[in-house]
Amino acid sequence: MKTITPEELVKWMNEKISIQLIDVREHYEHEDFNIGGTLIPLGELTQYLDNIEKELPVIVYCQKGIRSHIAIQRLENKFPFENLYNLIGGMDEWRRKITY
């Protein structure tokens, strides 16, 4: 599984690299704090396959990195995705390392 650190993701964002961000947390978590990703809760992920980019790097994140890991495993096992990255440590790590 491909991974990306919060610092690497910020670098990609600052360099304006074309990516897609997908937040697999629940609605209330996304409303509390997010980095601009499209909200697709883990339980609804397979319903929105057409919304997931096939050509761009897709950064999948959650609160701690566990649900996003599960999401990527599910997607890669059942569908031909090879462009998915798990944000290491999720939003907790983002808040610890990145300040805006």
N, C-alpha and C. Protein backbone atom coordinates (compact mmCIF):
# COMPACT_ATOMS: atom_id res chain seq x y z
N MET A 1 0.84 -1.18 0.00
CA MET A 1 0.00 0.00 0.00
C MET A 1 0.89 1.24 0.00
N LYS A 2 0.53 2.18 -0.86
CA LYS A 2 1.27 3.43 -0.92
C LYS A 2 0.82 4.32 0.23
N THR A 3 1.77 5.07 0.77
CA THR A 3 1.46 5.98 1.86
C THR A 3 2.06 7.35 1.55
N ILE A 4 1.55 8.34 2.25
CA ILE A 4 2.08 9.69 2.15
C ILE A 4 1.99 10.34 3.53
N THR A 5 3.00 11.08 3.88
CA THR A 5 3.00 11.79 5.17
C THR A 5 2.28 13.12 5.01
N PRO A 6 1.84 13.71 6.12
CA PRO A 6 1.24 15.04 6.02
C PRO A 6 2.19 16.06 5.37
N GLU A 7 3.48 15.97 5.70
CA GLU A 7 4.45 16.91 5.13
C GLU A 7 4.57 16.74 3.62
N GLU A 8 4.58 15.49 3.15
CA GLU A 8 4.64 15.25 1.71
C GLU A 8 3.38 15.75 1.01
N LEU A 9 2.23 15.53 1.64
CA LEU A 9 0.97 15.99 1.05
C LEU A 9 0.94 17.51 0.95
N VAL A 10 1.39 18.20 1.97
CA VAL A 10 1.45 19.67 1.92
C VAL A 10 2.36 20.11 0.77
N LYS A 11 3.46 19.43 0.60
CA LYS A 11 4.37 19.76 -0.50
C LYS A 11 3.65 19.60 -1.85
N TRP A 12 2.95 18.47 -2.02
CA TRP A 12 2.19 18.26 -3.27
C TRP A 12 1.17 19.37 -3.47
N MET A 13 0.48 19.73 -2.39
CA MET A 13 -0.55 20.76 -2.48
C MET A 13 0.07 22.11 -2.84
N ASN A 14 1.18 22.44 -2.21
CA ASN A 14 1.86 23.71 -2.50
C ASN A 14 2.40 23.75 -3.92
N GLU A 15 2.80 22.60 -4.43
CA GLU A 15 3.31 22.52 -5.81
C GLU A 15 2.18 22.40 -6.82
N LYS A 16 0.94 22.41 -6.31
CA LYS A 16 -0.26 22.33 -7.15
C LYS A 16 -0.29 21.06 -8.01
N ILE A 17 0.21 19.97 -7.45
CA ILE A 17 0.12 18.68 -8.12
C ILE A 17 -1.35 18.26 -8.12
N SER A 18 -1.84 17.80 -9.24
CA SER A 18 -3.24 17.39 -9.35
C SER A 18 -3.45 16.09 -8.57
N ILE A 19 -4.31 16.18 -7.56
CA ILE A 19 -4.63 15.03 -6.71
C ILE A 19 -6.12 15.07 -6.38
N GLN A 20 -6.60 13.98 -5.83
CA GLN A 20 -7.94 13.94 -5.27
C GLN A 20 -7.81 13.55 -3.80
N LEU A 21 -8.52 14.26 -2.95
CA LEU A 21 -8.56 13.95 -1.52
C LEU A 21 -9.90 13.32 -1.20
N ILE A 22 -9.87 12.18 -0.52
CA ILE A 22 -11.11 11.52 -0.10
C ILE A 22 -11.05 11.29 1.40
N ASP A 23 -12.05 11.81 2.08
CA ASP A 23 -12.20 11.69 3.53
C ASP A 23 -13.19 10.57 3.80
N VAL A 24 -12.75 9.49 4.45
CA VAL A 24 -13.64 8.34 4.71
C VAL A 24 -14.19 8.35 6.14
N ARG A 25 -14.10 9.50 6.81
CA ARG A 25 -14.66 9.62 8.15
C ARG A 25 -16.17 9.83 8.05
N GLU A 26 -16.79 10.00 9.19
CA GLU A 26 -18.22 10.27 9.26
C GLU A 26 -18.48 11.77 9.08
N HIS A 27 -19.73 12.11 8.79
CA HIS A 27 -20.11 13.50 8.52
C HIS A 27 -19.70 14.44 9.65
N TYR A 28 -19.97 14.07 10.89
CA TYR A 28 -19.66 14.97 12.01
C TYR A 28 -18.15 15.20 12.15
N GLU A 29 -17.34 14.20 11.83
CA GLU A 29 -15.89 14.37 11.89
C GLU A 29 -15.41 15.32 10.80
N HIS A 30 -15.97 15.17 9.62
CA HIS A 30 -15.61 16.02 8.49
C HIS A 30 -16.00 17.47 8.77
N GLU A 31 -17.18 17.67 9.34
CA GLU A 31 -17.63 19.02 9.66
C GLU A 31 -16.76 19.67 10.72
N ASP A 32 -16.26 18.87 11.66
CA ASP A 32 -15.42 19.38 12.74
C ASP A 32 -14.08 19.90 12.21
N PHE A 33 -13.46 19.16 11.29
CA PHE A 33 -12.15 19.55 10.74
C PHE A 33 -11.89 18.76 9.49
N ASN A 34 -11.54 19.45 8.41
CA ASN A 34 -11.18 18.75 7.18
C ASN A 34 -10.18 19.57 6.40
N ILE A 35 -9.55 18.93 5.42
CA ILE A 35 -8.53 19.60 4.61
C ILE A 35 -9.01 19.76 3.16
N GLY A 36 -10.31 19.72 2.98
CA GLY A 36 -10.86 19.98 1.66
C GLY A 36 -11.19 18.75 0.84
N GLY A 37 -11.10 17.58 1.43
CA GLY A 37 -11.39 16.36 0.71
C GLY A 37 -12.88 16.13 0.51
N THR A 38 -13.18 15.29 -0.46
CA THR A 38 -14.55 14.87 -0.70
C THR A 38 -14.94 13.85 0.36
N LEU A 39 -16.04 14.06 1.02
CA LEU A 39 -16.49 13.14 2.07
C LEU A 39 -17.20 11.95 1.44
N ILE A 40 -16.63 10.76 1.67
CA ILE A 40 -17.28 9.49 1.30
C ILE A 40 -17.03 8.55 2.48
N PRO A 41 -17.96 8.50 3.45
CA PRO A 41 -17.74 7.64 4.61
C PRO A 41 -17.42 6.20 4.21
N LEU A 42 -16.59 5.55 4.99
CA LEU A 42 -16.12 4.20 4.69
C LEU A 42 -17.26 3.26 4.31
N GLY A 43 -18.35 3.29 5.03
CA GLY A 43 -19.48 2.41 4.76
C GLY A 43 -20.19 2.67 3.44
N GLU A 44 -19.94 3.83 2.85
CA GLU A 44 -20.60 4.21 1.59
C GLU A 44 -19.65 4.18 0.40
N LEU A 45 -18.42 3.80 0.62
CA LEU A 45 -17.38 3.92 -0.39
C LEU A 45 -17.70 3.24 -1.72
N THR A 46 -18.17 2.01 -1.66
CA THR A 46 -18.41 1.29 -2.91
C THR A 46 -19.60 1.85 -3.70
N GLN A 47 -20.42 2.67 -3.07
CA GLN A 47 -21.54 3.31 -3.76
C GLN A 47 -21.07 4.48 -4.62
N TYR A 48 -19.86 4.95 -4.38
CA TYR A 48 -19.35 6.14 -5.06
C TYR A 48 -18.08 5.86 -5.85
N LEU A 49 -17.94 4.66 -6.38
CA LEU A 49 -16.75 4.30 -7.14
C LEU A 49 -16.52 5.22 -8.33
N ASP A 50 -17.58 5.64 -8.96
CA ASP A 50 -17.44 6.51 -10.13
C ASP A 50 -16.90 7.89 -9.77
N ASN A 51 -16.94 8.25 -8.50
CA ASN A 51 -16.43 9.55 -8.05
C ASN A 51 -14.95 9.51 -7.72
N ILE A 52 -14.34 8.33 -7.76
CA ILE A 52 -12.93 8.19 -7.41
C ILE A 52 -12.10 8.21 -8.68
N GLU A 53 -11.16 9.13 -8.72
CA GLU A 53 -10.28 9.27 -9.89
C GLU A 53 -9.50 7.99 -10.16
N LYS A 54 -9.31 7.71 -11.42
CA LYS A 54 -8.52 6.53 -11.81
C LYS A 54 -7.13 6.94 -12.30
N GLU A 55 -6.99 8.20 -12.73
CA GLU A 55 -5.74 8.66 -13.34
C GLU A 55 -4.86 9.48 -12.39
N LEU A 56 -5.47 10.20 -11.46
CA LEU A 56 -4.72 11.05 -10.54
C LEU A 56 -4.37 10.30 -9.26
N PRO A 57 -3.34 10.74 -8.55
CA PRO A 57 -3.12 10.21 -7.20
C PRO A 57 -4.33 10.55 -6.32
N VAL A 58 -4.81 9.56 -5.58
CA VAL A 58 -5.94 9.75 -4.68
C VAL A 58 -5.45 9.54 -3.26
N ILE A 59 -5.55 10.58 -2.45
CA ILE A 59 -5.14 10.51 -1.05
C ILE A 59 -6.38 10.22 -0.23
N VAL A 60 -6.36 9.08 0.47
CA VAL A 60 -7.49 8.67 1.30
C VAL A 60 -7.08 8.91 2.76
N TYR A 61 -7.97 9.56 3.51
CA TYR A 61 -7.63 9.85 4.90
C TYR A 61 -8.84 9.70 5.82
N CYS A 62 -8.52 9.53 7.10
CA CYS A 62 -9.53 9.43 8.15
C CYS A 62 -8.96 10.13 9.39
N GLN A 63 -9.37 9.72 10.56
CA GLN A 63 -8.89 10.38 11.77
C GLN A 63 -7.49 9.94 12.17
N LYS A 64 -7.23 8.63 12.12
CA LYS A 64 -5.94 8.10 12.57
C LYS A 64 -5.18 7.33 11.50
N GLY A 65 -5.81 7.05 10.38
CA GLY A 65 -5.17 6.29 9.31
C GLY A 65 -5.61 4.84 9.23
N ILE A 66 -6.49 4.42 10.12
CA ILE A 66 -6.93 3.03 10.15
C ILE A 66 -8.07 2.79 9.15
N ARG A 67 -9.10 3.62 9.21
CA ARG A 67 -10.22 3.45 8.27
C ARG A 67 -9.77 3.69 6.84
N SER A 68 -8.87 4.62 6.63
CA SER A 68 -8.38 4.85 5.27
C SER A 68 -7.58 3.65 4.78
N HIS A 69 -6.84 3.02 5.66
CA HIS A 69 -6.11 1.79 5.32
C HIS A 69 -7.10 0.70 4.89
N ILE A 70 -8.16 0.54 5.66
CA ILE A 70 -9.20 -0.45 5.33
C ILE A 70 -9.86 -0.10 4.00
N ALA A 71 -10.15 1.18 3.79
CA ALA A 71 -10.79 1.62 2.55
C ALA A 71 -9.91 1.27 1.34
N ILE A 72 -8.64 1.54 1.44
CA ILE A 72 -7.73 1.26 0.34
C ILE A 72 -7.63 -0.24 0.09
N GLN A 73 -7.54 -1.01 1.16
CA GLN A 73 -7.50 -2.48 1.00
C GLN A 73 -8.73 -2.97 0.26
N ARG A 74 -9.89 -2.50 0.66
CA ARG A 74 -11.15 -2.92 0.00
C ARG A 74 -11.15 -2.54 -1.47
N LEU A 75 -10.76 -1.32 -1.76
CA LEU A 75 -10.77 -0.85 -3.14
C LEU A 75 -9.76 -1.59 -4.00
N GLU A 76 -8.56 -1.78 -3.47
CA GLU A 76 -7.53 -2.45 -4.26
C GLU A 76 -7.80 -3.94 -4.44
N ASN A 77 -8.47 -4.57 -3.48
CA ASN A 77 -8.78 -5.99 -3.59
C ASN A 77 -9.90 -6.28 -4.57
N LYS A 78 -10.85 -5.37 -4.69
CA LYS A 78 -12.04 -5.63 -5.51
C LYS A 78 -12.05 -4.89 -6.85
N PHE A 79 -11.25 -3.84 -6.96
CA PHE A 79 -11.31 -2.99 -8.14
C PHE A 79 -9.88 -2.67 -8.59
N PRO A 80 -9.70 -2.26 -9.84
CA PRO A 80 -8.34 -2.05 -10.36
C PRO A 80 -7.73 -0.69 -10.02
N PHE A 81 -7.71 -0.33 -8.75
CA PHE A 81 -7.08 0.93 -8.34
C PHE A 81 -5.61 0.69 -8.04
N GLU A 82 -4.75 1.54 -8.58
CA GLU A 82 -3.32 1.49 -8.30
C GLU A 82 -2.78 2.86 -7.93
N ASN A 83 -3.66 3.81 -7.71
CA ASN A 83 -3.29 5.20 -7.51
C ASN A 83 -3.70 5.73 -6.13
N LEU A 84 -3.91 4.84 -5.17
CA LEU A 84 -4.40 5.24 -3.85
C LEU A 84 -3.26 5.36 -2.85
N TYR A 85 -3.31 6.41 -2.04
CA TYR A 85 -2.32 6.66 -1.00
C TYR A 85 -3.03 6.83 0.33
N ASN A 86 -2.50 6.21 1.36
CA ASN A 86 -3.03 6.38 2.71
C ASN A 86 -2.26 7.50 3.41
N LEU A 87 -2.99 8.48 3.92
CA LEU A 87 -2.36 9.56 4.68
C LEU A 87 -1.97 9.02 6.05
N ILE A 88 -0.69 8.90 6.28
CA ILE A 88 -0.18 8.33 7.53
C ILE A 88 -0.63 9.16 8.72
N GLY A 89 -1.28 8.52 9.68
CA GLY A 89 -1.71 9.19 10.90
C GLY A 89 -2.98 10.00 10.77
N GLY A 90 -3.51 10.13 9.57
CA GLY A 90 -4.77 10.82 9.35
C GLY A 90 -4.79 12.25 9.85
N MET A 91 -5.98 12.70 10.21
CA MET A 91 -6.16 14.08 10.66
C MET A 91 -5.48 14.35 11.99
N ASP A 92 -5.34 13.33 12.83
CA ASP A 92 -4.62 13.53 14.09
C ASP A 92 -3.17 13.93 13.82
N GLU A 93 -2.52 13.22 12.91
CA GLU A 93 -1.13 13.52 12.57
C GLU A 93 -1.03 14.87 11.84
N TRP A 94 -2.00 15.13 10.98
CA TRP A 94 -2.02 16.42 10.27
C TRP A 94 -2.05 17.57 11.26
N ARG A 95 -2.93 17.46 12.25
CA ARG A 95 -3.04 18.53 13.26
C ARG A 95 -1.76 18.67 14.08
N ARG A 96 -1.08 17.57 14.34
CA ARG A 96 0.16 17.64 15.11
C ARG A 96 1.30 18.25 14.32
N LYS A 97 1.37 17.97 13.02
CA LYS A 97 2.53 18.36 12.22
C LYS A 97 2.33 19.59 11.35
N ILE A 98 1.10 19.84 10.94
CA ILE A 98 0.85 20.92 9.98
C ILE A 98 0.03 22.00 10.67
N THR A 99 0.49 23.20 10.58
CA THR A 99 -0.26 24.32 11.16
C THR A 99 -0.55 25.33 10.07
N TYR A 100 -1.79 25.76 10.03
CA TYR A 100 -2.20 26.78 9.07
C TYR A 100 -2.81 27.93 9.82
